[in-house]
């Protein structure tokens, strides 16, 4: 049987974006390409800026690869275009890894994701959607049970998150949310802060083959006193920052069976509610009573060799090559 022919498609629109998280996209794509080759596949790396997609897709359709390994998180510098590409891949009948357009859109628009979670009865912190600076004058914000946490409504990779995003008063909420709306020109999602452990749940597969990899949590033990126990942008991308040293992902400690079962079930419920497939990471906060709360659902999460998904796979006994091949095989088996 001939080896699978796989196109590794990644967004190269970060060329004009100097941020560390954007520049890491190509290095991750190259690592995945090499892992596929090591697994016996034929792999080709293709970068996509944006509008040339209308020239690229007919060529890919004519080439008929067995699979497109879809790593595109934006087009033309706009992450809101991520779901659009998935829809175009479907239009051109190209099989690809990861979530489809409806699932990507549901997760990218965090307000929509919240509505889905709430509608399904899946535990997620109470929230407020703040679309404009004018909405910050709403007097009902005064009565919120602070502290609350702020995040951009259409971003991932902790973009826009600093220690100031944990707000303890209405004045702090108005100041920080207003600054975020002005700087990033998009709405802010505010949610009640869950004081407790932060646990990451990685799921791989589809249907009866869906499995949960060993749970990981964020070790905040090295975080200086007084700094909030959150995963900021600096914690993910700035190695010299105090938050980077203070937020180390580690295998779940003191893992009693009841906690593991609760976390896995909530993550599976979030997967099903959003219509996800192939692989995903669900981020939870667990309160003092042991209740897990969904704070983020991440379709097509980072699968670079040093990312959390690869760490969970390693604990499960999978090499990096095994992980990437498993995701590809999972997508190719799907009909």
C-alpha atoms as a PDB file:
ATOM      1  CA  UNK A   1       0.000   0.000   0.000  1.00  0.00           C
ATOM      2  CA  UNK A   2       1.396   3.406  -0.982  1.00  0.00           C
ATOM      3  CA  UNK A   3       2.227   5.793   1.874  1.00  0.00           C
ATOM      4  CA  UNK A   4      -0.340   8.463   2.621  1.00  0.00           C
ATOM      5  CA  UNK A   5       0.190  11.758   0.778  1.00  0.00           C
ATOM      6  CA  UNK A   6      -0.384  14.600   3.221  1.00  0.00           C
ATOM      7  CA  UNK A   7      -0.287  18.372   2.735  1.00  0.00           C
ATOM      8  CA  UNK A   8       0.659  20.228   5.931  1.00  0.00           C
ATOM      9  CA  UNK A   9      -1.168  23.536   5.518  1.00  0.00           C
ATOM     10  CA  UNK A  10      -0.286  26.398   7.866  1.00  0.00           C
ATOM     11  CA  UNK A  11      -0.985  30.120   7.951  1.00  0.00           C
ATOM     12  CA  UNK A  12       2.021  32.204   6.893  1.00  0.00           C
ATOM     13  CA  UNK A  13       0.250  35.530   7.410  1.00  0.00           C
ATOM     14  CA  UNK A  14       2.370  36.082  10.530  1.00  0.00           C
ATOM     15  CA  UNK A  15       5.134  37.481   8.281  1.00  0.00           C
ATOM     16  CA  UNK A  16       3.921  40.955   9.187  1.00  0.00           C
ATOM     17  CA  UNK A  17       3.198  40.020  12.817  1.00  0.00           C
ATOM     18  CA  UNK A  18       6.280  40.129  15.083  1.00  0.00           C
ATOM     19  CA  UNK A  19       4.597  38.376  18.024  1.00  0.00           C
ATOM     20  CA  UNK A  20       6.203  35.209  19.344  1.00  0.00           C
ATOM     21  CA  UNK A  21       3.022  33.126  19.206  1.00  0.00           C
ATOM     22  CA  UNK A  22       2.506  33.931  15.513  1.00  0.00           C
ATOM     23  CA  UNK A  23       6.113  33.164  14.544  1.00  0.00           C
ATOM     24  CA  UNK A  24       5.911  29.761  16.258  1.00  0.00           C
ATOM     25  CA  UNK A  25       3.380  28.545  13.678  1.00  0.00           C
ATOM     26  CA  UNK A  26       5.945  27.673  10.997  1.00  0.00           C
ATOM     27  CA  UNK A  27       8.272  25.838  13.385  1.00  0.00           C
ATOM     28  CA  UNK A  28       5.333  23.759  14.587  1.00  0.00           C
ATOM     29  CA  UNK A  29       4.325  22.984  10.991  1.00  0.00           C
ATOM     30  CA  UNK A  30       7.859  21.846  10.156  1.00  0.00           C
ATOM     31  CA  UNK A  31       7.941  19.568  13.189  1.00  0.00           C
ATOM     32  CA  UNK A  32       4.649  17.983  12.129  1.00  0.00           C
ATOM     33  CA  UNK A  33       5.897  17.543   8.554  1.00  0.00           C
ATOM     34  CA  UNK A  34       9.020  15.757   9.811  1.00  0.00           C
ATOM     35  CA  UNK A  35       6.965  13.577  12.151  1.00  0.00           C
ATOM     36  CA  UNK A  36       4.728  12.479   9.263  1.00  0.00           C
ATOM     37  CA  UNK A  37       7.764  11.651   7.137  1.00  0.00           C
ATOM     38  CA  UNK A  38       9.237   9.656  10.020  1.00  0.00           C
ATOM     39  CA  UNK A  39       5.934   7.780  10.230  1.00  0.00           C
ATOM     40  CA  UNK A  40       6.273   6.715   6.590  1.00  0.00           C
ATOM     41  CA  UNK A  41       3.999   9.311   4.984  1.00  0.00           C
ATOM     42  CA  UNK A  42       4.755  11.588   2.069  1.00  0.00           C
ATOM     43  CA  UNK A  43       4.390  15.118   3.428  1.00  0.00           C
ATOM     44  CA  UNK A  44       4.604  18.561   1.866  1.00  0.00           C
ATOM     45  CA  UNK A  45       4.584  21.899   3.680  1.00  0.00           C
ATOM     46  CA  UNK A  46       2.355  24.651   2.223  1.00  0.00           C
ATOM     47  CA  UNK A  47       2.026  28.158   3.662  1.00  0.00           C
ATOM     48  CA  UNK A  48      -1.102  30.249   3.190  1.00  0.00           C
ATOM     49  CA  UNK A  49      -1.289  34.028   3.533  1.00  0.00           C
ATOM     50  CA  UNK A  50      -4.948  34.550   2.766  1.00  0.00           C
ATOM     51  CA  UNK A  51      -6.518  35.618  -0.512  1.00  0.00           C
ATOM     52  CA  UNK A  52      -4.376  33.298  -2.629  1.00  0.00           C
ATOM     53  CA  UNK A  53      -6.533  30.537  -1.150  1.00  0.00           C
ATOM     54  CA  UNK A  54      -8.713  30.807  -4.285  1.00  0.00           C
ATOM     55  CA  UNK A  55      -5.707  29.754  -6.404  1.00  0.00           C
ATOM     56  CA  UNK A  56      -4.393  27.191  -3.935  1.00  0.00           C
ATOM     57  CA  UNK A  57      -7.526  25.156  -3.307  1.00  0.00           C
ATOM     58  CA  UNK A  58      -8.181  24.179  -6.958  1.00  0.00           C
ATOM     59  CA  UNK A  59      -4.555  22.993  -7.167  1.00  0.00           C
ATOM     60  CA  UNK A  60      -4.953  20.908  -4.023  1.00  0.00           C
ATOM     61  CA  UNK A  61      -8.241  19.517  -5.286  1.00  0.00           C
ATOM     62  CA  UNK A  62      -6.553  18.460  -8.535  1.00  0.00           C
ATOM     63  CA  UNK A  63      -3.601  16.922  -6.667  1.00  0.00           C
ATOM     64  CA  UNK A  64      -5.971  14.803  -4.556  1.00  0.00           C
ATOM     65  CA  UNK A  65      -3.861  14.372  -1.407  1.00  0.00           C
ATOM     66  CA  UNK A  66      -5.070  11.754   1.047  1.00  0.00           C
ATOM     67  CA  UNK A  67      -5.252  14.392   3.758  1.00  0.00           C
ATOM     68  CA  UNK A  68      -4.688  18.060   4.519  1.00  0.00           C
ATOM     69  CA  UNK A  69      -3.168  18.501   7.960  1.00  0.00           C
ATOM     70  CA  UNK A  70      -4.891  21.784   8.763  1.00  0.00           C
ATOM     71  CA  UNK A  71      -2.814  24.075  10.978  1.00  0.00           C
ATOM     72  CA  UNK A  72      -4.284  27.371   9.749  1.00  0.00           C
ATOM     73  CA  UNK A  73      -5.390  29.581  12.630  1.00  0.00           C
ATOM     74  CA  UNK A  74      -6.020  32.699  10.559  1.00  0.00           C
ATOM     75  CA  UNK A  75      -5.925  34.158   7.057  1.00  0.00           C
ATOM     76  CA  UNK A  76      -4.783  37.655   6.122  1.00  0.00           C
ATOM     77  CA  UNK A  77      -3.925  38.311   9.754  1.00  0.00           C
ATOM     78  CA  UNK A  78      -7.474  37.778  11.030  1.00  0.00           C
ATOM     79  CA  UNK A  79      -8.205  34.768  13.301  1.00  0.00           C
ATOM     80  CA  UNK A  80     -11.906  35.096  12.472  1.00  0.00           C
ATOM     81  CA  UNK A  81     -11.032  33.598   9.073  1.00  0.00           C
ATOM     82  CA  UNK A  82     -10.001  30.271  10.631  1.00  0.00           C
ATOM     83  CA  UNK A  83     -13.482  28.719  10.248  1.00  0.00           C
ATOM     84  CA  UNK A  84     -13.745  30.071   6.706  1.00  0.00           C
ATOM     85  CA  UNK A  85     -10.831  27.946   5.541  1.00  0.00           C
ATOM     86  CA  UNK A  86     -12.376  24.786   6.959  1.00  0.00           C
ATOM     87  CA  UNK A  87     -15.547  25.529   4.987  1.00  0.00           C
ATOM     88  CA  UNK A  88     -13.537  26.030   1.810  1.00  0.00           C
ATOM     89  CA  UNK A  89     -11.721  22.726   2.332  1.00  0.00           C
ATOM     90  CA  UNK A  90     -15.115  21.043   2.562  1.00  0.00           C
ATOM     91  CA  UNK A  91     -16.283  22.860  -0.572  1.00  0.00           C
ATOM     92  CA  UNK A  92     -13.298  21.489  -2.514  1.00  0.00           C
ATOM     93  CA  UNK A  93     -13.828  17.992  -1.071  1.00  0.00           C
ATOM     94  CA  UNK A  94     -10.469  17.929   0.692  1.00  0.00           C
ATOM     95  CA  UNK A  95     -10.295  15.752   3.781  1.00  0.00           C
ATOM     96  CA  UNK A  96      -8.557  17.567   6.631  1.00  0.00           C
ATOM     97  CA  UNK A  97      -7.637  17.145  10.273  1.00  0.00           C
ATOM     98  CA  UNK A  98      -9.520  18.737  13.118  1.00  0.00           C
ATOM     99  CA  UNK A  99     -12.709  20.678  13.549  1.00  0.00           C
ATOM    100  CA  UNK A 100     -15.043  21.744  10.751  1.00  0.00           C
ATOM    101  CA  UNK A 101     -16.480  25.223  10.152  1.00  0.00           C
ATOM    102  CA  UNK A 102     -19.409  25.084  12.622  1.00  0.00           C
ATOM    103  CA  UNK A 103     -17.262  23.742  15.462  1.00  0.00           C
ATOM    104  CA  UNK A 104     -14.425  26.207  14.859  1.00  0.00           C
ATOM    105  CA  UNK A 105     -16.867  29.109  14.718  1.00  0.00           C
ATOM    106  CA  UNK A 106     -18.597  27.986  17.906  1.00  0.00           C
ATOM    107  CA  UNK A 107     -15.307  27.886  19.814  1.00  0.00           C
ATOM    108  CA  UNK A 108     -13.752  30.993  18.267  1.00  0.00           C
ATOM    109  CA  UNK A 109     -16.726  33.150  19.227  1.00  0.00           C
ATOM    110  CA  UNK A 110     -16.492  32.632  22.961  1.00  0.00           C
ATOM    111  CA  UNK A 111     -19.935  34.095  23.641  1.00  0.00           C
ATOM    112  CA  UNK A 112     -21.427  31.427  21.375  1.00  0.00           C
ATOM    113  CA  UNK A 113     -19.385  28.741  23.124  1.00  0.00           C
ATOM    114  CA  UNK A 114     -20.704  29.956  26.472  1.00  0.00           C
ATOM    115  CA  UNK A 115     -24.276  29.786  25.199  1.00  0.00           C
ATOM    116  CA  UNK A 116     -23.706  26.211  24.044  1.00  0.00           C
ATOM    117  CA  UNK A 117     -22.218  25.156  27.378  1.00  0.00           C
ATOM    118  CA  UNK A 118     -24.986  26.833  29.374  1.00  0.00           C
ATOM    119  CA  UNK A 119     -27.666  25.388  27.102  1.00  0.00           C
ATOM    120  CA  UNK A 120     -26.299  21.866  27.584  1.00  0.00           C
ATOM    121  CA  UNK A 121     -26.023  22.298  31.364  1.00  0.00           C
ATOM    122  CA  UNK A 122     -22.229  21.947  31.291  1.00  0.00           C
ATOM    123  CA  UNK A 123     -20.584  23.782  34.215  1.00  0.00           C
ATOM    124  CA  UNK A 124     -18.977  27.043  33.058  1.00  0.00           C
ATOM    125  CA  UNK A 125     -18.499  30.255  35.065  1.00  0.00           C
ATOM    126  CA  UNK A 126     -21.216  32.930  34.839  1.00  0.00           C
ATOM    127  CA  UNK A 127     -20.272  35.525  32.246  1.00  0.00           C
ATOM    128  CA  UNK A 128     -20.998  38.912  30.710  1.00  0.00           C
ATOM    129  CA  UNK A 129     -20.356  39.879  27.089  1.00  0.00           C
ATOM    130  CA  UNK A 130     -19.023  43.428  26.741  1.00  0.00           C
ATOM    131  CA  UNK A 131     -19.114  44.502  23.096  1.00  0.00           C
ATOM    132  CA  UNK A 132     -18.448  48.245  23.401  1.00  0.00           C
ATOM    133  CA  UNK A 133     -16.923  50.723  25.804  1.00  0.00           C
ATOM    134  CA  UNK A 134     -20.375  52.246  26.291  1.00  0.00           C
ATOM    135  CA  UNK A 135     -21.632  48.964  27.764  1.00  0.00           C
ATOM    136  CA  UNK A 136     -19.156  49.324  30.623  1.00  0.00           C
ATOM    137  CA  UNK A 137     -21.438  51.989  32.119  1.00  0.00           C
ATOM    138  CA  UNK A 138     -24.058  49.323  32.847  1.00  0.00           C
ATOM    139  CA  UNK A 139     -24.849  49.640  36.568  1.00  0.00           C
ATOM    140  CA  UNK A 140     -25.451  45.893  36.891  1.00  0.00           C
ATOM    141  CA  UNK A 141     -21.680  45.392  36.662  1.00  0.00           C
ATOM    142  CA  UNK A 142     -21.438  46.894  40.160  1.00  0.00           C
ATOM    143  CA  UNK A 143     -23.292  43.918  41.640  1.00  0.00           C
ATOM    144  CA  UNK A 144     -21.091  41.147  40.212  1.00  0.00           C
ATOM    145  CA  UNK A 145     -19.543  38.743  42.729  1.00  0.00           C
ATOM    146  CA  UNK A 146     -15.918  39.765  42.216  1.00  0.00           C
ATOM    147  CA  UNK A 147     -13.230  38.746  41.394  1.00  0.00           C
ATOM    148  CA  UNK A 148     -13.940  38.243  37.684  1.00  0.00           C
ATOM    149  CA  UNK A 149     -11.639  37.425  34.788  1.00  0.00           C
ATOM    150  CA  UNK A 150     -11.450  39.140  31.390  1.00  0.00           C
ATOM    151  CA  UNK A 151     -10.527  37.652  28.002  1.00  0.00           C
ATOM    152  CA  UNK A 152     -10.867  38.736  24.397  1.00  0.00           C
ATOM    153  CA  UNK A 153     -13.975  37.322  22.770  1.00  0.00           C
ATOM    154  CA  UNK A 154     -12.313  36.086  19.546  1.00  0.00           C
ATOM    155  CA  UNK A 155      -8.710  35.157  20.447  1.00  0.00           C
ATOM    156  CA  UNK A 156      -6.702  32.223  21.727  1.00  0.00           C
ATOM    157  CA  UNK A 157      -3.053  31.691  22.811  1.00  0.00           C
ATOM    158  CA  UNK A 158      -3.777  33.975  25.813  1.00  0.00           C
ATOM    159  CA  UNK A 159      -3.568  37.058  23.582  1.00  0.00           C
ATOM    160  CA  UNK A 160      -4.473  40.150  25.616  1.00  0.00           C
ATOM    161  CA  UNK A 161      -4.169  38.446  29.003  1.00  0.00           C
ATOM    162  CA  UNK A 162      -2.025  40.095  31.707  1.00  0.00           C
ATOM    163  CA  UNK A 163      -2.188  40.127  35.494  1.00  0.00           C
ATOM    164  CA  UNK A 164      -4.612  43.060  35.171  1.00  0.00           C
ATOM    165  CA  UNK A 165      -7.256  40.780  33.634  1.00  0.00           C
ATOM    166  CA  UNK A 166      -8.122  39.413  37.073  1.00  0.00           C
ATOM    167  CA  UNK A 167     -10.324  42.247  38.312  1.00  0.00           C
ATOM    168  CA  UNK A 168     -11.458  42.564  41.912  1.00  0.00           C
ATOM    169  CA  UNK A 169     -13.623  45.684  41.648  1.00  0.00           C
ATOM    170  CA  UNK A 170     -16.012  47.201  39.158  1.00  0.00           C
ATOM    171  CA  UNK A 171     -13.588  50.076  38.649  1.00  0.00           C
ATOM    172  CA  UNK A 172     -10.836  47.628  37.680  1.00  0.00           C
ATOM    173  CA  UNK A 173     -13.208  45.797  35.315  1.00  0.00           C
ATOM    174  CA  UNK A 174     -14.215  48.994  33.556  1.00  0.00           C
ATOM    175  CA  UNK A 175     -10.639  50.209  33.223  1.00  0.00           C
ATOM    176  CA  UNK A 176      -9.138  46.968  31.933  1.00  0.00           C
ATOM    177  CA  UNK A 177     -12.052  45.938  29.704  1.00  0.00           C
ATOM    178  CA  UNK A 178     -12.149  49.412  28.174  1.00  0.00           C
ATOM    179  CA  UNK A 179      -8.428  49.266  27.436  1.00  0.00           C
ATOM    180  CA  UNK A 180      -8.782  45.834  25.809  1.00  0.00           C
ATOM    181  CA  UNK A 181     -11.721  46.845  23.634  1.00  0.00           C
ATOM    182  CA  UNK A 182      -9.836  49.900  22.406  1.00  0.00           C
ATOM    183  CA  UNK A 183      -6.510  48.134  21.819  1.00  0.00           C
ATOM    184  CA  UNK A 184      -7.786  44.969  20.146  1.00  0.00           C
ATOM    185  CA  UNK A 185     -10.956  46.384  18.570  1.00  0.00           C
ATOM    186  CA  UNK A 186     -13.076  43.453  19.630  1.00  0.00           C
ATOM    187  CA  UNK A 187     -15.454  42.568  22.471  1.00  0.00           C
ATOM    188  CA  UNK A 188     -14.412  41.264  25.867  1.00  0.00           C
ATOM    189  CA  UNK A 189     -15.861  38.262  27.667  1.00  0.00           C
ATOM    190  CA  UNK A 190     -15.936  38.627  31.453  1.00  0.00           C
ATOM    191  CA  UNK A 191     -16.505  35.571  33.623  1.00  0.00           C
ATOM    192  CA  UNK A 192     -16.509  34.862  37.327  1.00  0.00           C
ATOM    193  CA  UNK A 193     -13.045  33.816  38.457  1.00  0.00           C
ATOM    194  CA  UNK A 194     -12.798  30.260  39.781  1.00  0.00           C
ATOM    195  CA  UNK A 195     -10.165  30.168  42.506  1.00  0.00           C
ATOM    196  CA  UNK A 196      -8.609  26.724  42.291  1.00  0.00           C
ATOM    197  CA  UNK A 197      -6.666  24.323  40.113  1.00  0.00           C
ATOM    198  CA  UNK A 198      -6.345  24.738  36.352  1.00  0.00           C
ATOM    199  CA  UNK A 199      -6.539  21.403  34.542  1.00  0.00           C
ATOM    200  CA  UNK A 200      -6.044  20.658  30.828  1.00  0.00           C
ATOM    201  CA  UNK A 201      -7.881  17.728  29.244  1.00  0.00           C
ATOM    202  CA  UNK A 202      -6.771  16.440  25.828  1.00  0.00           C
ATOM    203  CA  UNK A 203      -9.090  14.232  23.795  1.00  0.00           C
ATOM    204  CA  UNK A 204      -8.164  12.353  20.607  1.00  0.00           C
ATOM    205  CA  UNK A 205     -10.314  10.218  18.342  1.00  0.00           C
ATOM    206  CA  UNK A 206     -13.907  10.013  17.182  1.00  0.00           C
ATOM    207  CA  UNK A 207     -16.957   8.035  18.218  1.00  0.00           C
ATOM    208  CA  UNK A 208     -16.164   4.869  20.137  1.00  0.00           C
ATOM    209  CA  UNK A 209     -12.432   5.491  19.563  1.00  0.00           C
ATOM    210  CA  UNK A 210     -12.424   8.803  21.478  1.00  0.00           C
ATOM    211  CA  UNK A 211      -9.865   8.661  24.293  1.00  0.00           C
ATOM    212  CA  UNK A 212      -8.783  11.062  27.012  1.00  0.00           C
ATOM    213  CA  UNK A 213      -5.026  11.450  27.470  1.00  0.00           C
ATOM    214  CA  UNK A 214      -3.522  11.720  30.967  1.00  0.00           C
ATOM    215  CA  UNK A 215      -4.661  14.944  32.613  1.00  0.00           C
ATOM    216  CA  UNK A 216      -2.257  17.810  33.218  1.00  0.00           C
ATOM    217  CA  UNK A 217      -2.519  20.837  35.455  1.00  0.00           C
ATOM    218  CA  UNK A 218      -0.760  24.168  35.812  1.00  0.00           C
ATOM    219  CA  UNK A 219       1.685  24.264  38.715  1.00  0.00           C
ATOM    220  CA  UNK A 220       1.540  27.788  40.113  1.00  0.00           C
ATOM    221  CA  UNK A 221       3.972  26.946  42.938  1.00  0.00           C
ATOM    222  CA  UNK A 222       6.761  29.198  41.641  1.00  0.00           C
ATOM    223  CA  UNK A 223       4.480  32.177  41.089  1.00  0.00           C
ATOM    224  CA  UNK A 224       5.511  35.113  43.326  1.00  0.00           C
ATOM    225  CA  UNK A 225       3.152  36.028  46.144  1.00  0.00           C
ATOM    226  CA  UNK A 226       0.538  38.508  45.080  1.00  0.00           C
ATOM    227  CA  UNK A 227       0.502  37.578  41.386  1.00  0.00           C
ATOM    228  CA  UNK A 228      -2.747  36.022  40.138  1.00  0.00           C
ATOM    229  CA  UNK A 229      -2.813  32.288  39.443  1.00  0.00           C
ATOM    230  CA  UNK A 230      -3.685  32.626  35.762  1.00  0.00           C
ATOM    231  CA  UNK A 231      -2.037  31.720  32.437  1.00  0.00           C
ATOM    232  CA  UNK A 232      -1.129  35.070  30.892  1.00  0.00           C
ATOM    233  CA  UNK A 233       0.290  35.742  27.442  1.00  0.00           C
ATOM    234  CA  UNK A 234       3.741  36.126  29.022  1.00  0.00           C
ATOM    235  CA  UNK A 235       3.323  32.767  30.780  1.00  0.00           C
ATOM    236  CA  UNK A 236       3.011  31.056  27.406  1.00  0.00           C
ATOM    237  CA  UNK A 237       5.460  32.977  25.257  1.00  0.00           C
ATOM    238  CA  UNK A 238       8.022  35.042  27.218  1.00  0.00           C
ATOM    239  CA  UNK A 239      10.615  32.756  28.775  1.00  0.00           C
ATOM    240  CA  UNK A 240      12.283  35.537  30.773  1.00  0.00           C
ATOM    241  CA  UNK A 241       9.010  36.628  32.403  1.00  0.00           C
ATOM    242  CA  UNK A 242       8.154  35.707  35.988  1.00  0.00           C
ATOM    243  CA  UNK A 243       4.826  34.250  34.830  1.00  0.00           C
ATOM    244  CA  UNK A 244       6.629  31.779  32.538  1.00  0.00           C
ATOM    245  CA  UNK A 245       8.459  30.237  35.490  1.00  0.00           C
ATOM    246  CA  UNK A 246       5.337  30.391  37.621  1.00  0.00           C
ATOM    247  CA  UNK A 247       3.017  28.405  35.325  1.00  0.00           C
ATOM    248  CA  UNK A 248       4.493  24.988  34.659  1.00  0.00           C
ATOM    249  CA  UNK A 249       2.280  22.280  33.131  1.00  0.00           C
ATOM    250  CA  UNK A 250       2.711  19.025  35.078  1.00  0.00           C
ATOM    251  CA  UNK A 251       0.891  15.684  35.185  1.00  0.00           C
ATOM    252  CA  UNK A 252      -2.124  15.897  37.469  1.00  0.00           C
ATOM    253  CA  UNK A 253      -1.031  15.561  41.085  1.00  0.00           C
ATOM    254  CA  UNK A 254      -2.995  13.948  43.910  1.00  0.00           C
ATOM    255  CA  UNK A 255      -5.369  12.642  41.281  1.00  0.00           C
ATOM    256  CA  UNK A 256      -8.226  10.942  43.093  1.00  0.00           C
ATOM    257  CA  UNK A 257     -10.503   8.858  40.853  1.00  0.00           C
ATOM    258  CA  UNK A 258     -13.557  11.051  41.497  1.00  0.00           C
ATOM    259  CA  UNK A 259     -11.746  14.199  40.303  1.00  0.00           C
ATOM    260  CA  UNK A 260     -10.370  12.472  37.197  1.00  0.00           C
ATOM    261  CA  UNK A 261     -13.779  11.070  36.308  1.00  0.00           C
ATOM    262  CA  UNK A 262     -15.472  14.442  36.790  1.00  0.00           C
ATOM    263  CA  UNK A 263     -12.914  16.282  34.648  1.00  0.00           C
ATOM    264  CA  UNK A 264     -13.009  13.694  31.883  1.00  0.00           C
ATOM    265  CA  UNK A 265     -16.814  13.682  31.773  1.00  0.00           C
ATOM    266  CA  UNK A 266     -17.109  17.475  31.629  1.00  0.00           C
ATOM    267  CA  UNK A 267     -14.523  17.562  28.821  1.00  0.00           C
ATOM    268  CA  UNK A 268     -16.354  14.842  26.878  1.00  0.00           C
ATOM    269  CA  UNK A 269     -19.612  16.746  27.297  1.00  0.00           C
ATOM    270  CA  UNK A 270     -17.973  19.938  25.973  1.00  0.00           C
ATOM    271  CA  UNK A 271     -16.560  17.969  23.005  1.00  0.00           C
ATOM    272  CA  UNK A 272     -19.999  16.600  22.149  1.00  0.00           C
ATOM    273  CA  UNK A 273     -21.802  19.927  22.648  1.00  0.00           C
ATOM    274  CA  UNK A 274     -19.494  21.732  20.191  1.00  0.00           C
ATOM    275  CA  UNK A 275     -19.478  18.957  17.588  1.00  0.00           C
ATOM    276  CA  UNK A 276     -15.709  18.488  17.748  1.00  0.00           C
ATOM    277  CA  UNK A 277     -13.597  15.817  16.121  1.00  0.00           C
ATOM    278  CA  UNK A 278     -10.087  14.333  15.874  1.00  0.00           C
ATOM    279  CA  UNK A 279      -8.366  16.229  18.723  1.00  0.00           C
ATOM    280  CA  UNK A 280      -9.091  19.016  21.191  1.00  0.00           C
ATOM    281  CA  UNK A 281      -7.957  20.474  24.517  1.00  0.00           C
ATOM    282  CA  UNK A 282     -10.519  21.534  27.109  1.00  0.00           C
ATOM    283  CA  UNK A 283      -9.315  23.870  29.864  1.00  0.00           C
ATOM    284  CA  UNK A 284     -10.940  23.610  33.274  1.00  0.00           C
ATOM    285  CA  UNK A 285     -10.762  25.379  36.619  1.00  0.00           C
ATOM    286  CA  UNK A 286     -11.631  23.200  39.602  1.00  0.00           C
ATOM    287  CA  UNK A 287     -13.035  24.952  42.664  1.00  0.00           C
ATOM    288  CA  UNK A 288     -12.417  24.099  46.304  1.00  0.00           C
ATOM    289  CA  UNK A 289     -15.405  21.733  46.313  1.00  0.00           C
ATOM    290  CA  UNK A 290     -13.912  19.688  43.450  1.00  0.00           C
ATOM    291  CA  UNK A 291     -16.320  20.954  40.790  1.00  0.00           C
ATOM    292  CA  UNK A 292     -14.706  21.373  37.341  1.00  0.00           C
ATOM    293  CA  UNK A 293     -15.776  24.422  35.301  1.00  0.00           C
ATOM    294  CA  UNK A 294     -15.076  24.777  31.566  1.00  0.00           C
ATOM    295  CA  UNK A 295     -13.182  28.006  30.878  1.00  0.00           C
ATOM    296  CA  UNK A 296     -12.098  27.320  27.286  1.00  0.00           C
ATOM    297  CA  UNK A 297     -12.625  24.800  24.496  1.00  0.00           C
ATOM    298  CA  UNK A 298      -9.672  24.641  22.084  1.00  0.00           C
ATOM    299  CA  UNK A 299     -10.221  22.873  18.757  1.00  0.00           C
ATOM    300  CA  UNK A 300      -7.054  22.135  16.778  1.00  0.00           C
ATOM    301  CA  UNK A 301      -4.864  22.975  19.800  1.00  0.00           C
ATOM    302  CA  UNK A 302      -1.111  23.480  19.607  1.00  0.00           C
ATOM    303  CA  UNK A 303       0.548  20.131  18.847  1.00  0.00           C
ATOM    304  CA  UNK A 304       4.146  21.305  18.560  1.00  0.00           C
ATOM    305  CA  UNK A 305       6.680  19.034  20.289  1.00  0.00           C
ATOM    306  CA  UNK A 306       6.873  21.142  23.464  1.00  0.00           C
ATOM    307  CA  UNK A 307       3.132  21.861  23.805  1.00  0.00           C
ATOM    308  CA  UNK A 308       0.690  20.413  26.307  1.00  0.00           C
ATOM    309  CA  UNK A 309      -0.896  17.888  23.946  1.00  0.00           C
ATOM    310  CA  UNK A 310       2.505  16.328  23.210  1.00  0.00           C
ATOM    311  CA  UNK A 311       3.294  16.205  26.937  1.00  0.00           C
ATOM    312  CA  UNK A 312       0.028  14.389  27.663  1.00  0.00           C
ATOM    313  CA  UNK A 313       0.709  11.976  24.807  1.00  0.00           C
ATOM    314  CA  UNK A 314       4.175  11.233  26.188  1.00  0.00           C
ATOM    315  CA  UNK A 315       2.713  10.324  29.586  1.00  0.00           C
ATOM    316  CA  UNK A 316       0.377   7.948  27.727  1.00  0.00           C
ATOM    317  CA  UNK A 317       3.422   6.299  26.127  1.00  0.00           C
ATOM    318  CA  UNK A 318       3.144   7.925  22.705  1.00  0.00           C
ATOM    319  CA  UNK A 319       6.171   9.394  20.974  1.00  0.00           C
ATOM    320  CA  UNK A 320       5.734  12.639  19.057  1.00  0.00           C
ATOM    321  CA  UNK A 321       5.732  10.699  15.778  1.00  0.00           C
ATOM    322  CA  UNK A 322       3.063   8.379  17.217  1.00  0.00           C
ATOM    323  CA  UNK A 323       0.920  11.373  18.221  1.00  0.00           C
ATOM    324  CA  UNK A 324       1.016  13.082  14.830  1.00  0.00           C
ATOM    325  CA  UNK A 325       0.428   9.824  12.956  1.00  0.00           C
ATOM    326  CA  UNK A 326      -2.507   9.013  15.243  1.00  0.00           C
ATOM    327  CA  UNK A 327      -4.182  12.360  14.529  1.00  0.00           C
ATOM    328  CA  UNK A 328      -3.668  11.863  10.787  1.00  0.00           C
ATOM    329  CA  UNK A 329      -5.007   8.288  10.904  1.00  0.00           C
ATOM    330  CA  UNK A 330      -7.999   9.440  12.959  1.00  0.00           C
ATOM    331  CA  UNK A 331      -8.904  12.062  10.347  1.00  0.00           C
ATOM    332  CA  UNK A 332      -8.432   9.657   7.429  1.00  0.00           C
ATOM    333  CA  UNK A 333     -10.672   7.000   9.019  1.00  0.00           C
ATOM    334  CA  UNK A 334     -13.457   9.542   9.464  1.00  0.00           C
ATOM    335  CA  UNK A 335     -16.182   9.548   6.813  1.00  0.00           C
END
